[in-house]
C-alpha atoms as a PDB file:
ATOM      1  CA  MET A   1      12.987  -9.939   7.632  1.00  0.00           C
ATOM      2  CA  ARG A   2       9.201  -9.986   8.011  1.00  0.00           C
ATOM      3  CA  ILE A   3       7.332  -7.234   6.188  1.00  0.00           C
ATOM      4  CA  LEU A   4       3.589  -6.520   6.071  1.00  0.00           C
ATOM      5  CA  PHE A   5       1.838  -4.315   3.519  1.00  0.00           C
ATOM      6  CA  LEU A   6      -1.827  -3.318   4.003  1.00  0.00           C
ATOM      7  CA  GLY A   7      -3.938  -2.062   1.100  1.00  0.00           C
ATOM      8  CA  ASP A   8      -5.918   1.172   0.863  1.00  0.00           C
ATOM      9  CA  LEU A   9      -7.685   2.200   4.070  1.00  0.00           C
ATOM     10  CA  VAL A  10     -11.220   3.242   3.108  1.00  0.00           C
ATOM     11  CA  GLY A  11     -13.056   5.534   5.512  1.00  0.00           C
ATOM     12  CA  ARG A  12     -13.640   5.184   9.239  1.00  0.00           C
ATOM     13  CA  THR A  13     -14.509   1.466   9.037  1.00  0.00           C
ATOM     14  CA  GLY A  14     -11.336   0.513   7.180  1.00  0.00           C
ATOM     15  CA  ARG A  15      -8.921   2.624   9.161  1.00  0.00           C
ATOM     16  CA  ALA A  16     -10.435   1.589  12.506  1.00  0.00           C
ATOM     17  CA  ALA A  17     -10.097  -2.096  11.624  1.00  0.00           C
ATOM     18  CA  ALA A  18      -6.464  -1.673  10.576  1.00  0.00           C
ATOM     19  CA  ILE A  19      -5.585   0.450  13.596  1.00  0.00           C
ATOM     20  CA  ASP A  20      -7.244  -2.090  15.883  1.00  0.00           C
ATOM     21  CA  CYS A  21      -5.400  -5.138  14.558  1.00  0.00           C
ATOM     22  CA  LEU A  22      -1.962  -3.698  13.757  1.00  0.00           C
ATOM     23  CA  PRO A  23      -0.442  -3.698  17.265  1.00  0.00           C
ATOM     24  CA  GLY A  24      -1.287  -7.373  17.760  1.00  0.00           C
ATOM     25  CA  LEU A  25      -0.070  -8.355  14.304  1.00  0.00           C
ATOM     26  CA  VAL A  26       3.257  -6.627  14.874  1.00  0.00           C
ATOM     27  CA  GLU A  27       3.813  -8.135  18.306  1.00  0.00           C
ATOM     28  CA  ASP A  28       2.427 -11.638  17.777  1.00  0.00           C
ATOM     29  CA  ASN A  29       4.241 -12.194  14.475  1.00  0.00           C
ATOM     30  CA  GLN A  30       7.408 -10.252  15.179  1.00  0.00           C
ATOM     31  CA  LEU A  31       6.989  -8.035  12.157  1.00  0.00           C
ATOM     32  CA  ASP A  32      10.032  -5.957  11.323  1.00  0.00           C
ATOM     33  CA  PHE A  33       8.377  -3.395   9.051  1.00  0.00           C
ATOM     34  CA  VAL A  34       4.821  -2.337   8.143  1.00  0.00           C
ATOM     35  CA  ILE A  35       3.581  -0.216   5.212  1.00  0.00           C
ATOM     36  CA  VAL A  36      -0.029   0.960   4.901  1.00  0.00           C
ATOM     37  CA  ASN A  37      -1.652   2.737   1.964  1.00  0.00           C
ATOM     38  CA  GLY A  38      -3.761   5.499   3.511  1.00  0.00           C
ATOM     39  CA  GLU A  39      -4.978   7.538   0.562  1.00  0.00           C
ATOM     40  CA  ASN A  40      -8.699   6.837   1.162  1.00  0.00           C
ATOM     41  CA  ALA A  41      -8.591   6.990   4.963  1.00  0.00           C
ATOM     42  CA  ALA A  42     -10.417  10.319   5.484  1.00  0.00           C
ATOM     43  CA  ALA A  43     -14.065   9.661   4.516  1.00  0.00           C
ATOM     44  CA  GLY A  44     -12.736   7.868   1.430  1.00  0.00           C
ATOM     45  CA  PHE A  45     -10.743  10.804   0.078  1.00  0.00           C
ATOM     46  CA  GLY A  46      -7.186  11.553   1.198  1.00  0.00           C
ATOM     47  CA  ILE A  47      -5.727  11.425   4.693  1.00  0.00           C
ATOM     48  CA  THR A  48      -5.659  14.014   7.477  1.00  0.00           C
ATOM     49  CA  GLU A  49      -2.686  14.637   9.725  1.00  0.00           C
ATOM     50  CA  ALA A  50      -4.604  13.288  12.736  1.00  0.00           C
ATOM     51  CA  ILE A  51      -5.433  10.035  10.936  1.00  0.00           C
ATOM     52  CA  LEU A  52      -1.835   9.733   9.760  1.00  0.00           C
ATOM     53  CA  ARG A  53      -0.625   9.971  13.368  1.00  0.00           C
ATOM     54  CA  ASP A  54      -3.145   7.337  14.483  1.00  0.00           C
ATOM     55  CA  VAL A  55      -2.002   4.890  11.791  1.00  0.00           C
ATOM     56  CA  LEU A  56       1.670   5.429  12.620  1.00  0.00           C
ATOM     57  CA  ASP A  57       1.005   5.105  16.355  1.00  0.00           C
ATOM     58  CA  ALA A  58      -0.756   1.775  15.728  1.00  0.00           C
ATOM     59  CA  GLY A  59       2.399   0.273  14.233  1.00  0.00           C
ATOM     60  CA  ALA A  60       2.748   1.407  10.631  1.00  0.00           C
ATOM     61  CA  ASP A  61       6.270   2.508   9.745  1.00  0.00           C
ATOM     62  CA  VAL A  62       5.282   4.216   6.486  1.00  0.00           C
ATOM     63  CA  VAL A  63       2.017   5.410   4.923  1.00  0.00           C
ATOM     64  CA  THR A  64       1.806   5.529   1.129  1.00  0.00           C
ATOM     65  CA  THR A  65      -0.846   7.251  -0.990  1.00  0.00           C
ATOM     66  CA  GLY A  66      -1.865   7.668  -4.643  1.00  0.00           C
ATOM     67  CA  ASN A  67      -4.174   9.739  -6.797  1.00  0.00           C
ATOM     68  CA  HIS A  68      -6.221  10.956  -3.785  1.00  0.00           C
ATOM     69  CA  VAL A  69      -3.199  12.237  -1.873  1.00  0.00           C
ATOM     70  CA  TRP A  70      -4.218  15.917  -2.189  1.00  0.00           C
ATOM     71  CA  ASP A  71      -7.963  15.480  -1.569  1.00  0.00           C
ATOM     72  CA  GLN A  72      -7.456  16.881   1.933  1.00  0.00           C
ATOM     73  CA  ARG A  73      -5.976  20.254   1.045  1.00  0.00           C
ATOM     74  CA  ASP A  74      -3.991  20.543   4.283  1.00  0.00           C
ATOM     75  CA  THR A  75      -1.856  17.637   3.072  1.00  0.00           C
ATOM     76  CA  LEU A  76       0.000  20.065   0.798  1.00  0.00           C
ATOM     77  CA  VAL A  77       1.316  21.701   3.968  1.00  0.00           C
ATOM     78  CA  TYR A  78       1.649  18.980   6.587  1.00  0.00           C
ATOM     79  CA  ILE A  79       3.291  16.427   4.266  1.00  0.00           C
ATOM     80  CA  GLU A  80       6.508  18.434   4.552  1.00  0.00           C
ATOM     81  CA  ARG A  81       6.558  17.675   8.302  1.00  0.00           C
ATOM     82  CA  HIS A  82       6.215  13.910   7.903  1.00  0.00           C
ATOM     83  CA  ASP A  83       8.998  11.823   6.404  1.00  0.00           C
ATOM     84  CA  ARG A  84       6.832   8.731   6.878  1.00  0.00           C
ATOM     85  CA  LEU A  85       4.049   9.903   4.547  1.00  0.00           C
ATOM     86  CA  LEU A  86       4.851   9.314   0.876  1.00  0.00           C
ATOM     87  CA  ARG A  87       3.167  10.602  -2.276  1.00  0.00           C
ATOM     88  CA  PRO A  88       3.857   9.137  -5.736  1.00  0.00           C
ATOM     89  CA  VAL A  89       7.476   9.663  -6.723  1.00  0.00           C
ATOM     90  CA  ASN A  90       6.581  10.512 -10.316  1.00  0.00           C
ATOM     91  CA  TYR A  91       4.832  13.771  -9.533  1.00  0.00           C
ATOM     92  CA  PRO A  92       6.634  16.687 -11.230  1.00  0.00           C
ATOM     93  CA  ASN A  93       9.661  18.295  -9.600  1.00  0.00           C
ATOM     94  CA  GLY A  94       8.639  20.831  -6.983  1.00  0.00           C
ATOM     95  CA  THR A  95       5.597  18.878  -5.730  1.00  0.00           C
ATOM     96  CA  PRO A  96       5.488  18.940  -1.899  1.00  0.00           C
ATOM     97  CA  GLY A  97       6.609  15.874  -0.008  1.00  0.00           C
ATOM     98  CA  ARG A  98       8.657  12.925  -1.154  1.00  0.00           C
ATOM     99  CA  GLY A  99       7.978   9.758  -3.092  1.00  0.00           C
ATOM    100  CA  ALA A 100      10.701   7.505  -1.710  1.00  0.00           C
ATOM    101  CA  HIS A 101      12.733   7.304   1.469  1.00  0.00           C
ATOM    102  CA  LEU A 102      15.089   4.986   3.351  1.00  0.00           C
ATOM    103  CA  PHE A 103      13.733   3.886   6.740  1.00  0.00           C
ATOM    104  CA  THR A 104      15.112   1.888   9.668  1.00  0.00           C
ATOM    105  CA  ALA A 105      13.172  -1.261  10.531  1.00  0.00           C
ATOM    106  CA  ARG A 106      12.617  -2.618  14.034  1.00  0.00           C
ATOM    107  CA  ASN A 107      15.504  -5.049  13.554  1.00  0.00           C
ATOM    108  CA  GLY A 108      17.837  -2.246  12.442  1.00  0.00           C
ATOM    109  CA  ALA A 109      17.665  -3.079   8.728  1.00  0.00           C
ATOM    110  CA  GLN A 110      17.456  -0.321   6.118  1.00  0.00           C
ATOM    111  CA  VAL A 111      14.226  -0.433   4.096  1.00  0.00           C
ATOM    112  CA  MET A 112      13.637   1.690   1.006  1.00  0.00           C
ATOM    113  CA  VAL A 113       9.954   2.371   0.314  1.00  0.00           C
ATOM    114  CA  ALA A 114       8.825   4.024  -2.921  1.00  0.00           C
ATOM    115  CA  ASN A 115       5.312   5.031  -3.968  1.00  0.00           C
ATOM    116  CA  VAL A 116       4.678   5.371  -7.711  1.00  0.00           C
ATOM    117  CA  MET A 117       1.538   5.981  -9.772  1.00  0.00           C
ATOM    118  CA  GLY A 118       0.648   4.372 -13.069  1.00  0.00           C
ATOM    119  CA  ARG A 119      -0.417   6.257 -16.194  1.00  0.00           C
ATOM    120  CA  VAL A 120      -2.876   3.865 -17.876  1.00  0.00           C
ATOM    121  CA  PHE A 121      -6.455   5.107 -17.208  1.00  0.00           C
ATOM    122  CA  MET A 122      -4.986   7.525 -14.638  1.00  0.00           C
ATOM    123  CA  ASP A 123      -4.018  11.202 -14.557  1.00  0.00           C
ATOM    124  CA  ALA A 124      -1.012  12.124 -16.686  1.00  0.00           C
ATOM    125  CA  MET A 125       2.177  11.707 -14.674  1.00  0.00           C
ATOM    126  CA  ASP A 126       5.902  11.454 -15.286  1.00  0.00           C
ATOM    127  CA  ASP A 127       7.112   8.041 -16.484  1.00  0.00           C
ATOM    128  CA  PRO A 128       6.742   5.634 -13.521  1.00  0.00           C
ATOM    129  CA  PHE A 129       9.366   3.232 -14.886  1.00  0.00           C
ATOM    130  CA  ALA A 130      12.021   5.915 -15.242  1.00  0.00           C
ATOM    131  CA  ALA A 131      11.194   7.345 -11.817  1.00  0.00           C
ATOM    132  CA  ILE A 132      11.495   3.990 -10.053  1.00  0.00           C
ATOM    133  CA  ASP A 133      14.609   3.113 -12.008  1.00  0.00           C
ATOM    134  CA  ARG A 134      16.305   6.208 -10.572  1.00  0.00           C
ATOM    135  CA  VAL A 135      15.229   5.291  -7.019  1.00  0.00           C
ATOM    136  CA  VAL A 136      16.534   1.741  -7.267  1.00  0.00           C
ATOM    137  CA  ASN A 137      19.797   2.772  -8.944  1.00  0.00           C
ATOM    138  CA  ASP A 138      20.445   5.337  -6.211  1.00  0.00           C
ATOM    139  CA  CYS A 139      19.724   2.825  -3.423  1.00  0.00           C
ATOM    140  CA  PRO A 140      20.615  -0.651  -4.662  1.00  0.00           C
ATOM    141  CA  LEU A 141      19.279  -3.724  -2.901  1.00  0.00           C
ATOM    142  CA  GLY A 142      21.890  -5.621  -0.917  1.00  0.00           C
ATOM    143  CA  ASP A 143      24.177  -2.603  -0.854  1.00  0.00           C
ATOM    144  CA  VAL A 144      22.456   0.501   0.542  1.00  0.00           C
ATOM    145  CA  ALA A 145      19.070  -1.106   1.243  1.00  0.00           C
ATOM    146  CA  ASP A 146      18.360  -4.404   3.002  1.00  0.00           C
ATOM    147  CA  ALA A 147      14.867  -4.428   1.463  1.00  0.00           C
ATOM    148  CA  ILE A 148      13.033  -2.360  -1.157  1.00  0.00           C
ATOM    149  CA  ILE A 149       9.230  -2.138  -1.267  1.00  0.00           C
ATOM    150  CA  ILE A 150       7.357  -0.572  -4.200  1.00  0.00           C
ATOM    151  CA  ASP A 151       3.700   0.509  -3.900  1.00  0.00           C
ATOM    152  CA  MET A 152       2.503   0.641  -7.524  1.00  0.00           C
ATOM    153  CA  HIS A 153      -0.719   2.683  -7.389  1.00  0.00           C
ATOM    154  CA  ALA A 154      -2.316   1.938 -10.738  1.00  0.00           C
ATOM    155  CA  GLU A 155      -5.520   0.960 -12.505  1.00  0.00           C
ATOM    156  CA  ALA A 156      -4.224  -1.456 -15.152  1.00  0.00           C
ATOM    157  CA  THR A 157      -3.006  -4.875 -14.057  1.00  0.00           C
ATOM    158  CA  SER A 158      -0.850  -5.018 -17.190  1.00  0.00           C
ATOM    159  CA  GLU A 159       1.067  -1.920 -16.077  1.00  0.00           C
ATOM    160  CA  LYS A 160       1.521  -3.362 -12.599  1.00  0.00           C
ATOM    161  CA  GLN A 161       2.744  -6.688 -13.944  1.00  0.00           C
ATOM    162  CA  ALA A 162       5.136  -4.913 -16.287  1.00  0.00           C
ATOM    163  CA  MET A 163       6.566  -3.001 -13.313  1.00  0.00           C
ATOM    164  CA  GLY A 164       7.009  -6.263 -11.426  1.00  0.00           C
ATOM    165  CA  HIS A 165       9.022  -7.825 -14.226  1.00  0.00           C
ATOM    166  CA  PHE A 166      10.941  -4.583 -14.829  1.00  0.00           C
ATOM    167  CA  LEU A 167      12.123  -4.658 -11.198  1.00  0.00           C
ATOM    168  CA  ASP A 168      12.468  -8.433 -10.776  1.00  0.00           C
ATOM    169  CA  GLY A 169      15.680  -9.217  -8.922  1.00  0.00           C
ATOM    170  CA  ARG A 170      16.216  -5.569  -7.952  1.00  0.00           C
ATOM    171  CA  VAL A 171      13.591  -5.084  -5.230  1.00  0.00           C
ATOM    172  CA  SER A 172      11.971  -7.183  -2.501  1.00  0.00           C
ATOM    173  CA  LEU A 173       8.300  -6.539  -3.294  1.00  0.00           C
ATOM    174  CA  VAL A 174       6.179  -4.857  -5.952  1.00  0.00           C
ATOM    175  CA  VAL A 175       2.574  -4.622  -4.756  1.00  0.00           C
ATOM    176  CA  GLY A 176      -0.332  -2.941  -6.485  1.00  0.00           C
ATOM    177  CA  THR A 177      -2.883  -0.665  -4.864  1.00  0.00           C
ATOM    178  CA  HIS A 178      -5.827   1.478  -6.058  1.00  0.00           C
ATOM    179  CA  THR A 179      -8.356  -1.078  -7.353  1.00  0.00           C
ATOM    180  CA  HIS A 180      -9.389  -2.196  -3.830  1.00  0.00           C
ATOM    181  CA  VAL A 181      -9.859  -5.870  -4.784  1.00  0.00           C
ATOM    182  CA  PRO A 182      -7.293  -8.434  -3.557  1.00  0.00           C
ATOM    183  CA  THR A 183      -5.872 -10.496  -6.400  1.00  0.00           C
ATOM    184  CA  ALA A 184      -4.943 -14.186  -6.302  1.00  0.00           C
ATOM    185  CA  ASP A 185      -1.636 -13.829  -8.159  1.00  0.00           C
ATOM    186  CA  HIS A 186       0.784 -13.424  -5.253  1.00  0.00           C
ATOM    187  CA  GLN A 187       4.054 -15.027  -6.301  1.00  0.00           C
ATOM    188  CA  ILE A 188       7.818 -14.775  -6.265  1.00  0.00           C
ATOM    189  CA  LEU A 189       9.006 -13.836  -9.730  1.00  0.00           C
ATOM    190  CA  GLU A 190      11.838 -15.563 -11.594  1.00  0.00           C
ATOM    191  CA  HIS A 191      14.649 -13.485 -10.102  1.00  0.00           C
ATOM    192  CA  GLY A 192      13.375 -13.251  -6.527  1.00  0.00           C
ATOM    193  CA  THR A 193      11.011 -10.274  -6.312  1.00  0.00           C
ATOM    194  CA  ALA A 194       7.677 -10.860  -4.562  1.00  0.00           C
ATOM    195  CA  TYR A 195       4.683  -9.615  -6.534  1.00  0.00           C
ATOM    196  CA  MET A 196       0.907  -9.112  -6.119  1.00  0.00           C
ATOM    197  CA  SER A 197      -1.258  -7.125  -8.555  1.00  0.00           C
ATOM    198  CA  ASP A 198      -3.429  -5.629  -5.813  1.00  0.00           C
ATOM    199  CA  ALA A 199      -3.302  -5.932  -2.045  1.00  0.00           C
ATOM    200  CA  GLY A 200      -7.010  -5.146  -1.752  1.00  0.00           C
ATOM    201  CA  MET A 201      -8.490  -2.601   0.635  1.00  0.00           C
ATOM    202  CA  CYS A 202      -9.077  -2.329   4.334  1.00  0.00           C
ATOM    203  CA  GLY A 203     -12.786  -1.584   4.301  1.00  0.00           C
ATOM    204  CA  SER A 204     -16.269  -3.056   3.980  1.00  0.00           C
ATOM    205  CA  TYR A 205     -16.660  -5.430   1.040  1.00  0.00           C
ATOM    206  CA  ASP A 206     -20.450  -5.052   1.241  1.00  0.00           C
ATOM    207  CA  SER A 207     -19.887  -2.061  -1.012  1.00  0.00           C
ATOM    208  CA  VAL A 208     -18.643  -0.851  -4.365  1.00  0.00           C
ATOM    209  CA  LEU A 209     -14.882  -0.466  -3.805  1.00  0.00           C
ATOM    210  CA  GLY A 210     -15.530   0.527  -0.192  1.00  0.00           C
ATOM    211  CA  MET A 211     -18.316   2.996  -0.930  1.00  0.00           C
ATOM    212  CA  GLU A 212     -21.996   2.600  -0.049  1.00  0.00           C
ATOM    213  CA  LYS A 213     -23.587   0.671  -2.927  1.00  0.00           C
ATOM    214  CA  GLU A 214     -26.564   2.833  -3.838  1.00  0.00           C
ATOM    215  CA  GLU A 215     -24.824   5.836  -5.375  1.00  0.00           C
ATOM    216  CA  PRO A 216     -22.311   3.919  -7.548  1.00  0.00           C
ATOM    217  CA  VAL A 217     -25.094   1.654  -8.812  1.00  0.00           C
ATOM    218  CA  ASN A 218     -27.232   4.718  -9.544  1.00  0.00           C
ATOM    219  CA  ARG A 219     -24.444   6.386 -11.526  1.00  0.00           C
ATOM    220  CA  PHE A 220     -23.856   3.289 -13.633  1.00  0.00           C
ATOM    221  CA  GLN A 221     -27.568   3.096 -14.405  1.00  0.00           C
ATOM    222  CA  ARG A 222     -28.419   6.753 -14.934  1.00  0.00           C
ATOM    223  CA  LYS A 223     -25.031   8.308 -15.809  1.00  0.00           C
ATOM    224  CA  ILE A 224     -25.711  11.268 -13.497  1.00  0.00           C
ATOM    225  CA  PRO A 225     -24.694  11.858  -9.869  1.00  0.00           C
ATOM    226  CA  GLY A 226     -27.386  11.675  -7.225  1.00  0.00           C
ATOM    227  CA  SER A 227     -25.340  12.310  -4.105  1.00  0.00           C
ATOM    228  CA  ARG A 228     -21.774  12.209  -2.809  1.00  0.00           C
ATOM    229  CA  PHE A 229     -19.952   8.926  -2.464  1.00  0.00           C
ATOM    230  CA  ALA A 230     -19.834   7.786   1.177  1.00  0.00           C
ATOM    231  CA  PRO A 231     -17.664   5.031   2.653  1.00  0.00           C
ATOM    232  CA  ALA A 232     -19.566   1.866   3.534  1.00  0.00           C
ATOM    233  CA  SER A 233     -20.098   1.315   7.242  1.00  0.00           C
ATOM    234  CA  GLY A 234     -20.229  -2.491   7.327  1.00  0.00           C
ATOM    235  CA  VAL A 235     -17.693  -4.706   9.074  1.00  0.00           C
ATOM    236  CA  ALA A 236     -14.308  -4.270   7.413  1.00  0.00           C
ATOM    237  CA  THR A 237     -11.890  -6.827   6.045  1.00  0.00           C
ATOM    238  CA  VAL A 238      -8.234  -5.925   6.574  1.00  0.00           C
ATOM    239  CA  CYS A 239      -6.401  -6.949   3.394  1.00  0.00           C
ATOM    240  CA  GLY A 240      -2.751  -6.986   2.483  1.00  0.00           C
ATOM    241  CA  VAL A 241       0.281  -9.092   1.749  1.00  0.00           C
ATOM    242  CA  ALA A 242       3.191 -10.368   3.832  1.00  0.00           C
ATOM    243  CA  ILE A 243       6.667 -11.357   2.763  1.00  0.00           C
ATOM    244  CA  GLU A 244       9.824 -12.746   4.300  1.00  0.00           C
ATOM    245  CA  THR A 245      13.123 -11.674   2.788  1.00  0.00           C
ATOM    246  CA  ASP A 246      16.571 -13.207   2.684  1.00  0.00           C
ATOM    247  CA  GLU A 247      18.725 -11.180   5.077  1.00  0.00           C
ATOM    248  CA  ARG A 248      21.727 -11.558   2.773  1.00  0.00           C
ATOM    249  CA  THR A 249      20.199 -10.596  -0.582  1.00  0.00           C
ATOM    250  CA  GLY A 250      17.047  -8.716   0.378  1.00  0.00           C
ATOM    251  CA  LEU A 251      15.047 -10.756  -2.119  1.00  0.00           C
ATOM    252  CA  ALA A 252      11.828 -12.519  -1.177  1.00  0.00           C
ATOM    253  CA  GLU A 253      11.771 -16.042   0.188  1.00  0.00           C
ATOM    254  CA  ARG A 254       8.043 -16.235   0.964  1.00  0.00           C
ATOM    255  CA  ILE A 255       4.869 -14.327   0.133  1.00  0.00           C
ATOM    256  CA  ALA A 256       1.282 -14.780   1.310  1.00  0.00           C
ATOM    257  CA  PRO A 257      -1.962 -12.788   1.316  1.00  0.00           C
ATOM    258  CA  VAL A 258      -3.443 -11.406   4.532  1.00  0.00           C
ATOM    259  CA  ARG A 259      -7.218 -11.134   5.091  1.00  0.00           C
ATOM    260  CA  ILE A 260      -8.717 -10.520   8.526  1.00  0.00           C
ATOM    261  CA  GLY A 261     -12.381 -10.074   9.491  1.00  0.00           C
ATOM    262  CA  GLY A 262     -15.386  -8.962   7.481  1.00  0.00           C
ATOM    263  CA  LEU A 263     -16.882 -10.841   4.537  1.00  0.00           C
ATOM    264  CA  LEU A 264     -13.843 -12.271   2.746  1.00  0.00           C
ATOM    265  CA  GLU A 265     -12.401 -15.665   3.563  1.00  0.00           C
ATOM    266  CA  PRO A 266      -9.782 -15.127   6.298  1.00  0.00           C
ATOM    267  CA  VAL A 267      -6.177 -16.067   5.646  1.00  0.00           C
ATOM    268  CA  LEU A 268      -2.885 -15.521   7.443  1.00  0.00           C
ATOM    269  CA  PRO A 269       0.596 -16.516   6.263  1.00  0.00           C
ATOM    270  CA  ASP A 270       1.706 -20.002   7.275  1.00  0.00           C
ATOM    271  CA  PHE A 271       5.159 -18.609   7.979  1.00  0.00           C
ATOM    272  CA  TRP A 272       3.744 -16.420  10.753  1.00  0.00           C
ATOM    273  CA  THR A 273       2.561 -19.470  12.687  1.00  0.00           C
ATOM    274  CA  GLY A 274       4.727 -20.316  15.690  1.00  0.00           C
ATOM    275  CA  ALA A 275       6.992 -17.277  15.338  1.00  0.00           C
ATOM    276  CA  SER A 276       9.681 -17.329  17.981  1.00  0.00           C
END
């Protein structure tokens, strides 16, 4: 099964680039399932219902989020209407929405997607390891689920790597989001789980993490805010990661980064070439 994960959409530039390229990526490469992190899609802070619909209509099967999930206050209401929008699973009981769900891929396979948030340098949350352990135990790979994808929204690479090894052999992919910089450590771990510390963002890299440069630089220099952060408007790079899974076990057979357009060096998976 071919699965694509795209990192955080940042503002109009990032979401427009992802929405523009997704239909062609899905069709040309016969992708079975697509996950997009959309937590910075609305002017860099949260995601509106209209943007969510646009991303899903473009070819995403699921949209994950993170610490900015509630920045658009209407999300507290509309998230209950959308099974395909996930918030971190380790929010306290009673939080609106859901953090994990079983979806049907284009090829008919059952794909479990879970969104979880780290605790190192982040807001206090329930234990992400215990929360994901419950999800995976309730929906085991190769039994209930044909593939399991974990979006680990976290600041610390150590916490992300620990989650990868904790889940190695039990899920198809653990991919980090939140830091907006694509890492070069994509790999298949010892027991068959694909891993990447951060998928990067879909946004302008002529920026500070997708935001116009001047205000972040000013705050680092002067330690006081001068104006609101605003998403950068330069040409976006669409960043993510692609995997192929074994149809029998659900574990990863191949993993490769995806970078399209903008300033970063472009790369597409070799295993997409010549898809039939």
